[in-house]
Amino acid sequence: MTISQGWAVELLGRKLDLDDLREELKAPFDPWLEEYREGNETLLLLRSKAWQAFATTGETASDARRLVEQINGRTAC
């Protein structure tokens, strides 16, 4: 399991939906998902190359909301 440097946002949701996203959002696609092991738990992390330029969690959280809305089909690409 490779873990990228930089900002990431944990995605939560129904297993079926998260499994679909695992298949659709694989690197080198941007944004992409990574799995991160924390003890016995596996976290699903959303990452984006754009976030490398961000200096704060607020910037990252704001753009993550935008991406999640896009993924959920709530806004135009």
PDB file of N, CA and C in Angstrom:
ATOM      1  N   MET A   1       0.855  -1.176   0.000  1.00  0.00           N
ATOM      2  CA  MET A   1       0.000   0.000   0.000  1.00  0.00           C
ATOM      3  C   MET A   1       0.899   1.236   0.000  1.00  0.00           C
ATOM      4  N   THR A   2       0.768   2.055  -1.032  1.00  0.00           N
ATOM      5  CA  THR A   2       1.538   3.284  -1.150  1.00  0.00           C
ATOM      6  C   THR A   2       0.724   4.446  -0.612  1.00  0.00           C
ATOM      7  N   ILE A   3       1.342   5.244   0.237  1.00  0.00           N
ATOM      8  CA  ILE A   3       0.678   6.413   0.801  1.00  0.00           C
ATOM      9  C   ILE A   3       1.340   7.661   0.213  1.00  0.00           C
ATOM     10  N   SER A   4       0.536   8.512  -0.390  1.00  0.00           N
ATOM     11  CA  SER A   4       1.042   9.751  -0.992  1.00  0.00           C
ATOM     12  C   SER A   4       1.296  10.797   0.089  1.00  0.00           C
ATOM     13  N   GLN A   5       2.167  11.725  -0.220  1.00  0.00           N
ATOM     14  CA  GLN A   5       2.444  12.862   0.653  1.00  0.00           C
ATOM     15  C   GLN A   5       1.334  13.893   0.486  1.00  0.00           C
ATOM     16  N   GLY A   6       1.112  14.704   1.490  1.00  0.00           N
ATOM     17  CA  GLY A   6       0.205  15.836   1.368  1.00  0.00           C
ATOM     18  C   GLY A   6      -1.166  15.603   1.965  1.00  0.00           C
ATOM     19  N   TRP A   7      -2.069  16.524   1.631  1.00  0.00           N
ATOM     20  CA  TRP A   7      -3.415  16.533   2.186  1.00  0.00           C
ATOM     21  C   TRP A   7      -4.250  15.364   1.681  1.00  0.00           C
ATOM     22  N   ALA A   8      -5.151  14.909   2.547  1.00  0.00           N
ATOM     23  CA  ALA A   8      -6.116  13.871   2.185  1.00  0.00           C
ATOM     24  C   ALA A   8      -7.366  14.087   3.028  1.00  0.00           C
ATOM     25  N   VAL A   9      -8.490  13.598   2.514  1.00  0.00           N
ATOM     26  CA  VAL A   9      -9.762  13.692   3.221  1.00  0.00           C
ATOM     27  C   VAL A   9     -10.350  12.301   3.286  1.00  0.00           C
ATOM     28  N   GLU A  10     -10.753  11.877   4.478  1.00  0.00           N
ATOM     29  CA  GLU A  10     -11.360  10.555   4.631  1.00  0.00           C
ATOM     30  C   GLU A  10     -12.781  10.577   4.080  1.00  0.00           C
ATOM     31  N   LEU A  11     -13.103   9.567   3.266  1.00  0.00           N
ATOM     32  CA  LEU A  11     -14.455   9.416   2.747  1.00  0.00           C
ATOM     33  C   LEU A  11     -15.198   8.378   3.567  1.00  0.00           C
ATOM     34  N   LEU A  12     -16.421   8.706   3.922  1.00  0.00           N
ATOM     35  CA  LEU A  12     -17.297   7.792   4.647  1.00  0.00           C
ATOM     36  C   LEU A  12     -18.548   7.577   3.814  1.00  0.00           C
ATOM     37  N   GLY A  13     -19.160   6.428   3.958  1.00  0.00           N
ATOM     38  CA  GLY A  13     -20.386   6.166   3.226  1.00  0.00           C
ATOM     39  C   GLY A  13     -20.718   4.695   3.234  1.00  0.00           C
ATOM     40  N   ARG A  14     -21.706   4.359   2.407  1.00  0.00           N
ATOM     41  CA  ARG A  14     -22.103   2.954   2.304  1.00  0.00           C
ATOM     42  C   ARG A  14     -21.009   2.163   1.601  1.00  0.00           C
ATOM     43  N   LYS A  15     -20.793   0.935   2.043  1.00  0.00           N
ATOM     44  CA  LYS A  15     -19.739   0.089   1.487  1.00  0.00           C
ATOM     45  C   LYS A  15     -19.876  -0.038  -0.027  1.00  0.00           C
ATOM     46  N   LEU A  16     -21.084  -0.241  -0.513  1.00  0.00           N
ATOM     47  CA  LEU A  16     -21.317  -0.390  -1.950  1.00  0.00           C
ATOM     48  C   LEU A  16     -20.836   0.842  -2.715  1.00  0.00           C
ATOM     49  N   ASP A  17     -21.177   2.017  -2.224  1.00  0.00           N
ATOM     50  CA  ASP A  17     -20.761   3.256  -2.880  1.00  0.00           C
ATOM     51  C   ASP A  17     -19.252   3.444  -2.823  1.00  0.00           C
ATOM     52  N   LEU A  18     -18.659   3.170  -1.675  1.00  0.00           N
ATOM     53  CA  LEU A  18     -17.213   3.328  -1.532  1.00  0.00           C
ATOM     54  C   LEU A  18     -16.461   2.328  -2.408  1.00  0.00           C
ATOM     55  N   ASP A  19     -16.986   1.112  -2.520  1.00  0.00           N
ATOM     56  CA  ASP A  19     -16.357   0.110  -3.391  1.00  0.00           C
ATOM     57  C   ASP A  19     -16.397   0.560  -4.845  1.00  0.00           C
ATOM     58  N   ASP A  20     -17.528   1.162  -5.269  1.00  0.00           N
ATOM     59  CA  ASP A  20     -17.626   1.697  -6.631  1.00  0.00           C
ATOM     60  C   ASP A  20     -16.588   2.795  -6.858  1.00  0.00           C
ATOM     61  N   LEU A  21     -16.445   3.677  -5.881  1.00  0.00           N
ATOM     62  CA  LEU A  21     -15.457   4.746  -6.007  1.00  0.00           C
ATOM     63  C   LEU A  21     -14.036   4.212  -6.078  1.00  0.00           C
ATOM     64  N   ARG A  22     -13.759   3.146  -5.331  1.00  0.00           N
ATOM     65  CA  ARG A  22     -12.424   2.525  -5.381  1.00  0.00           C
ATOM     66  C   ARG A  22     -12.092   2.108  -6.811  1.00  0.00           C
ATOM     67  N   GLU A  23     -13.090   1.601  -7.517  1.00  0.00           N
ATOM     68  CA  GLU A  23     -12.877   1.152  -8.887  1.00  0.00           C
ATOM     69  C   GLU A  23     -12.730   2.328  -9.856  1.00  0.00           C
ATOM     70  N   GLU A  24     -13.472   3.395  -9.626  1.00  0.00           N
ATOM     71  CA  GLU A  24     -13.506   4.531 -10.549  1.00  0.00           C
ATOM     72  C   GLU A  24     -12.380   5.529 -10.350  1.00  0.00           C
ATOM     73  N   LEU A  25     -11.950   5.733  -9.128  1.00  0.00           N
ATOM     74  CA  LEU A  25     -10.974   6.788  -8.822  1.00  0.00           C
ATOM     75  C   LEU A  25      -9.619   6.208  -8.423  1.00  0.00           C
ATOM     76  N   LYS A  26      -8.955   5.601  -9.396  1.00  0.00           N
ATOM     77  CA  LYS A  26      -7.634   5.031  -9.165  1.00  0.00           C
ATOM     78  C   LYS A  26      -6.570   5.957  -9.741  1.00  0.00           C
ATOM     79  N   ALA A  27      -5.429   6.047  -9.037  1.00  0.00           N
ATOM     80  CA  ALA A  27      -4.304   6.827  -9.565  1.00  0.00           C
ATOM     81  C   ALA A  27      -3.895   6.185 -10.894  1.00  0.00           C
ATOM     82  N   PRO A  28      -3.517   6.952 -11.885  1.00  0.00           N
ATOM     83  CA  PRO A  28      -3.141   8.352 -11.868  1.00  0.00           C
ATOM     84  C   PRO A  28      -4.311   9.308 -12.100  1.00  0.00           C
ATOM     85  N   PHE A  29      -5.556   8.825 -12.061  1.00  0.00           N
ATOM     86  CA  PHE A  29      -6.715   9.705 -12.172  1.00  0.00           C
ATOM     87  C   PHE A  29      -6.645  10.747 -11.060  1.00  0.00           C
ATOM     88  N   ASP A  30      -7.149  11.950 -11.323  1.00  0.00           N
ATOM     89  CA  ASP A  30      -7.145  13.005 -10.313  1.00  0.00           C
ATOM     90  C   ASP A  30      -8.547  13.583 -10.221  1.00  0.00           C
ATOM     91  N   PRO A  31      -9.226  13.477  -9.110  1.00  0.00           N
ATOM     92  CA  PRO A  31      -8.768  12.972  -7.819  1.00  0.00           C
ATOM     93  C   PRO A  31      -8.704  11.441  -7.815  1.00  0.00           C
ATOM     94  N   TRP A  32      -8.028  10.905  -6.804  1.00  0.00           N
ATOM     95  CA  TRP A  32      -7.905   9.460  -6.665  1.00  0.00           C
ATOM     96  C   TRP A  32      -8.119   9.071  -5.211  1.00  0.00           C
ATOM     97  N   LEU A  33      -8.307   7.765  -5.003  1.00  0.00           N
ATOM     98  CA  LEU A  33      -8.499   7.230  -3.655  1.00  0.00           C
ATOM     99  C   LEU A  33      -7.327   6.367  -3.250  1.00  0.00           C
ATOM    100  N   GLU A  34      -7.021   6.411  -1.980  1.00  0.00           N
ATOM    101  CA  GLU A  34      -6.006   5.536  -1.388  1.00  0.00           C
ATOM    102  C   GLU A  34      -6.580   4.898  -0.135  1.00  0.00           C
ATOM    103  N   GLU A  35      -6.144   3.693   0.127  1.00  0.00           N
ATOM    104  CA  GLU A  35      -6.499   3.047   1.393  1.00  0.00           C
ATOM    105  C   GLU A  35      -5.362   3.268   2.381  1.00  0.00           C
ATOM    106  N   TYR A  36      -5.731   3.547   3.616  1.00  0.00           N
ATOM    107  CA  TYR A  36      -4.759   3.788   4.676  1.00  0.00           C
ATOM    108  C   TYR A  36      -5.138   2.933   5.877  1.00  0.00           C
ATOM    109  N   ARG A  37      -4.204   2.132   6.339  1.00  0.00           N
ATOM    110  CA  ARG A  37      -4.454   1.261   7.490  1.00  0.00           C
ATOM    111  C   ARG A  37      -4.138   2.004   8.773  1.00  0.00           C
ATOM    112  N   GLU A  38      -5.103   1.970   9.695  1.00  0.00           N
ATOM    113  CA  GLU A  38      -4.928   2.551  11.020  1.00  0.00           C
ATOM    114  C   GLU A  38      -5.376   1.495  12.013  1.00  0.00           C
ATOM    115  N   GLY A  39      -4.393   0.783  12.560  1.00  0.00           N
ATOM    116  CA  GLY A  39      -4.718  -0.352  13.413  1.00  0.00           C
ATOM    117  C   GLY A  39      -5.381  -1.436  12.587  1.00  0.00           C
ATOM    118  N   ASN A  40      -6.562  -1.878  13.013  1.00  0.00           N
ATOM    119  CA  ASN A  40      -7.308  -2.902  12.277  1.00  0.00           C
ATOM    120  C   ASN A  40      -8.284  -2.302  11.273  1.00  0.00           C
ATOM    121  N   GLU A  41      -8.311  -0.980  11.186  1.00  0.00           N
ATOM    122  CA  GLU A  41      -9.273  -0.289  10.330  1.00  0.00           C
ATOM    123  C   GLU A  41      -8.599   0.198   9.048  1.00  0.00           C
ATOM    124  N   THR A  42      -9.338   0.132   7.944  1.00  0.00           N
ATOM    125  CA  THR A  42      -8.868   0.679   6.682  1.00  0.00           C
ATOM    126  C   THR A  42      -9.677   1.927   6.367  1.00  0.00           C
ATOM    127  N   LEU A  43      -8.982   3.054   6.231  1.00  0.00           N
ATOM    128  CA  LEU A  43      -9.619   4.324   5.901  1.00  0.00           C
ATOM    129  C   LEU A  43      -9.498   4.548   4.402  1.00  0.00           C
ATOM    130  N   LEU A  44     -10.514   5.146   3.812  1.00  0.00           N
ATOM    131  CA  LEU A  44     -10.494   5.478   2.404  1.00  0.00           C
ATOM    132  C   LEU A  44     -10.249   6.976   2.279  1.00  0.00           C
ATOM    133  N   LEU A  45      -9.130   7.335   1.648  1.00  0.00           N
ATOM    134  CA  LEU A  45      -8.708   8.728   1.556  1.00  0.00           C
ATOM    135  C   LEU A  45      -8.858   9.258   0.144  1.00  0.00           C
ATOM    136  N   LEU A  46      -9.468  10.431   0.027  1.00  0.00           N
ATOM    137  CA  LEU A  46      -9.561  11.146  -1.234  1.00  0.00           C
ATOM    138  C   LEU A  46      -8.370  12.085  -1.319  1.00  0.00           C
ATOM    139  N   ARG A  47      -7.720  12.098  -2.480  1.00  0.00           N
ATOM    140  CA  ARG A  47      -6.555  12.966  -2.686  1.00  0.00           C
ATOM    141  C   ARG A  47      -6.689  13.678  -4.030  1.00  0.00           C
ATOM    142  N   SER A  48      -6.014  14.819  -4.131  1.00  0.00           N
ATOM    143  CA  SER A  48      -5.993  15.575  -5.381  1.00  0.00           C
ATOM    144  C   SER A  48      -4.639  16.263  -5.521  1.00  0.00           C
ATOM    145  N   LYS A  49      -4.124  16.268  -6.742  1.00  0.00           N
ATOM    146  CA  LYS A  49      -2.856  16.958  -7.002  1.00  0.00           C
ATOM    147  C   LYS A  49      -2.967  18.446  -6.692  1.00  0.00           C
ATOM    148  N   ALA A  50      -4.148  19.021  -6.903  1.00  0.00           N
ATOM    149  CA  ALA A  50      -4.353  20.451  -6.648  1.00  0.00           C
ATOM    150  C   ALA A  50      -4.093  20.801  -5.189  1.00  0.00           C
ATOM    151  N   TRP A  51      -4.312  19.867  -4.300  1.00  0.00           N
ATOM    152  CA  TRP A  51      -4.159  20.139  -2.872  1.00  0.00           C
ATOM    153  C   TRP A  51      -2.699  20.318  -2.459  1.00  0.00           C
ATOM    154  N   GLN A  52      -1.765  19.931  -3.292  1.00  0.00           N
ATOM    155  CA  GLN A  52      -0.348  20.100  -2.960  1.00  0.00           C
ATOM    156  C   GLN A  52       0.015  21.566  -2.782  1.00  0.00           C
ATOM    157  N   ALA A  53      -0.725  22.453  -3.431  1.00  0.00           N
ATOM    158  CA  ALA A  53      -0.443  23.889  -3.338  1.00  0.00           C
ATOM    159  C   ALA A  53      -1.132  24.546  -2.145  1.00  0.00           C
ATOM    160  N   PHE A  54      -2.005  23.825  -1.461  1.00  0.00           N
ATOM    161  CA  PHE A  54      -2.756  24.405  -0.348  1.00  0.00           C
ATOM    162  C   PHE A  54      -1.921  24.459   0.916  1.00  0.00           C
ATOM    163  N   ALA A  55      -2.139  25.525   1.683  1.00  0.00           N
ATOM    164  CA  ALA A  55      -1.382  25.716   2.919  1.00  0.00           C
ATOM    165  C   ALA A  55      -2.208  25.405   4.167  1.00  0.00           C
ATOM    166  N   THR A  56      -3.548  25.326   4.025  1.00  0.00           N
ATOM    167  CA  THR A  56      -4.387  25.143   5.208  1.00  0.00           C
ATOM    168  C   THR A  56      -5.401  24.019   5.020  1.00  0.00           C
ATOM    169  N   THR A  57      -5.879  23.534   6.152  1.00  0.00           N
ATOM    170  CA  THR A  57      -6.929  22.515   6.109  1.00  0.00           C
ATOM    171  C   THR A  57      -8.219  23.104   5.554  1.00  0.00           C
ATOM    172  N   GLY A  58      -8.454  24.393   5.781  1.00  0.00           N
ATOM    173  CA  GLY A  58      -9.656  25.042   5.264  1.00  0.00           C
ATOM    174  C   GLY A  58      -9.723  25.020   3.746  1.00  0.00           C
ATOM    175  N   GLU A  59      -8.596  25.305   3.098  1.00  0.00           N
ATOM    176  CA  GLU A  59      -8.553  25.246   1.633  1.00  0.00           C
ATOM    177  C   GLU A  59      -8.841  23.837   1.142  1.00  0.00           C
ATOM    178  N   THR A  60      -8.233  22.878   1.805  1.00  0.00           N
ATOM    179  CA  THR A  60      -8.411  21.483   1.417  1.00  0.00           C
ATOM    180  C   THR A  60      -9.855  21.043   1.630  1.00  0.00           C
ATOM    181  N   ALA A  61     -10.424  21.367   2.769  1.00  0.00           N
ATOM    182  CA  ALA A  61     -11.806  20.982   3.069  1.00  0.00           C
ATOM    183  C   ALA A  61     -12.780  21.605   2.077  1.00  0.00           C
ATOM    184  N   SER A  62     -12.560  22.852   1.723  1.00  0.00           N
ATOM    185  CA  SER A  62     -13.438  23.533   0.781  1.00  0.00           C
ATOM    186  C   SER A  62     -13.401  22.868  -0.592  1.00  0.00           C
ATOM    187  N   ASP A  63     -12.202  22.571  -1.066  1.00  0.00           N
ATOM    188  CA  ASP A  63     -12.095  21.924  -2.376  1.00  0.00           C
ATOM    189  C   ASP A  63     -12.594  20.487  -2.315  1.00  0.00           C
ATOM    190  N   ALA A  64     -12.399  19.815  -1.182  1.00  0.00           N
ATOM    191  CA  ALA A  64     -12.900  18.442  -1.024  1.00  0.00           C
ATOM    192  C   ALA A  64     -14.422  18.421  -1.120  1.00  0.00           C
ATOM    193  N   ARG A  65     -15.084  19.408  -0.512  1.00  0.00           N
ATOM    194  CA  ARG A  65     -16.552  19.496  -0.616  1.00  0.00           C
ATOM    195  C   ARG A  65     -16.979  19.626  -2.074  1.00  0.00           C
ATOM    196  N   ARG A  66     -16.262  20.473  -2.802  1.00  0.00           N
ATOM    197  CA  ARG A  66     -16.558  20.670  -4.222  1.00  0.00           C
ATOM    198  C   ARG A  66     -16.400  19.355  -4.993  1.00  0.00           C
ATOM    199  N   LEU A  67     -15.307  18.645  -4.741  1.00  0.00           N
ATOM    200  CA  LEU A  67     -15.063  17.381  -5.435  1.00  0.00           C
ATOM    201  C   LEU A  67     -16.116  16.333  -5.089  1.00  0.00           C
ATOM    202  N   VAL A  68     -16.479  16.235  -3.819  1.00  0.00           N
ATOM    203  CA  VAL A  68     -17.479  15.245  -3.406  1.00  0.00           C
ATOM    204  C   VAL A  68     -18.829  15.567  -4.044  1.00  0.00           C
ATOM    205  N   GLU A  69     -19.175  16.848  -4.121  1.00  0.00           N
ATOM    206  CA  GLU A  69     -20.419  17.227  -4.796  1.00  0.00           C
ATOM    207  C   GLU A  69     -20.372  16.845  -6.265  1.00  0.00           C
ATOM    208  N   GLN A  70     -19.220  17.038  -6.883  1.00  0.00           N
ATOM    209  CA  GLN A  70     -19.050  16.665  -8.284  1.00  0.00           C
ATOM    210  C   GLN A  70     -19.175  15.154  -8.447  1.00  0.00           C
ATOM    211  N   ILE A  71     -18.527  14.402  -7.583  1.00  0.00           N
ATOM    212  CA  ILE A  71     -18.581  12.939  -7.633  1.00  0.00           C
ATOM    213  C   ILE A  71     -20.010  12.464  -7.449  1.00  0.00           C
ATOM    214  N   ASN A  72     -20.761  13.128  -6.574  1.00  0.00           N
ATOM    215  CA  ASN A  72     -22.147  12.747  -6.315  1.00  0.00           C
ATOM    216  C   ASN A  72     -23.100  13.256  -7.393  1.00  0.00           C
ATOM    217  N   GLY A  73     -22.576  13.989  -8.371  1.00  0.00           N
ATOM    218  CA  GLY A  73     -23.396  14.462  -9.474  1.00  0.00           C
ATOM    219  C   GLY A  73     -24.256  15.657  -9.144  1.00  0.00           C
ATOM    220  N   ARG A  74     -23.857  16.419  -8.129  1.00  0.00           N
ATOM    221  CA  ARG A  74     -24.660  17.571  -7.723  1.00  0.00           C
ATOM    222  C   ARG A  74     -24.276  18.860  -8.426  1.00  0.00           C
ATOM    223  N   THR A  75     -23.100  18.882  -9.065  1.00  0.00           N
ATOM    224  CA  THR A  75     -22.681  20.094  -9.786  1.00  0.00           C
ATOM    225  C   THR A  75     -22.123  19.690 -11.137  1.00  0.00           C
ATOM    226  N   ALA A  76     -22.028  20.640 -12.011  1.00  0.00           N
ATOM    227  CA  ALA A  76     -21.448  20.380 -13.321  1.00  0.00           C
ATOM    228  C   ALA A  76     -19.941  20.257 -13.210  1.00  0.00           C
ATOM    229  N   CYS A  77     -19.353  19.448 -14.063  1.00  0.00           N
ATOM    230  CA  CYS A  77     -17.899  19.288 -14.090  1.00  0.00           C
ATOM    231  C   CYS A  77     -17.319  20.522 -14.674  1.00  0.00           C
TER     232      CYS A  77
END
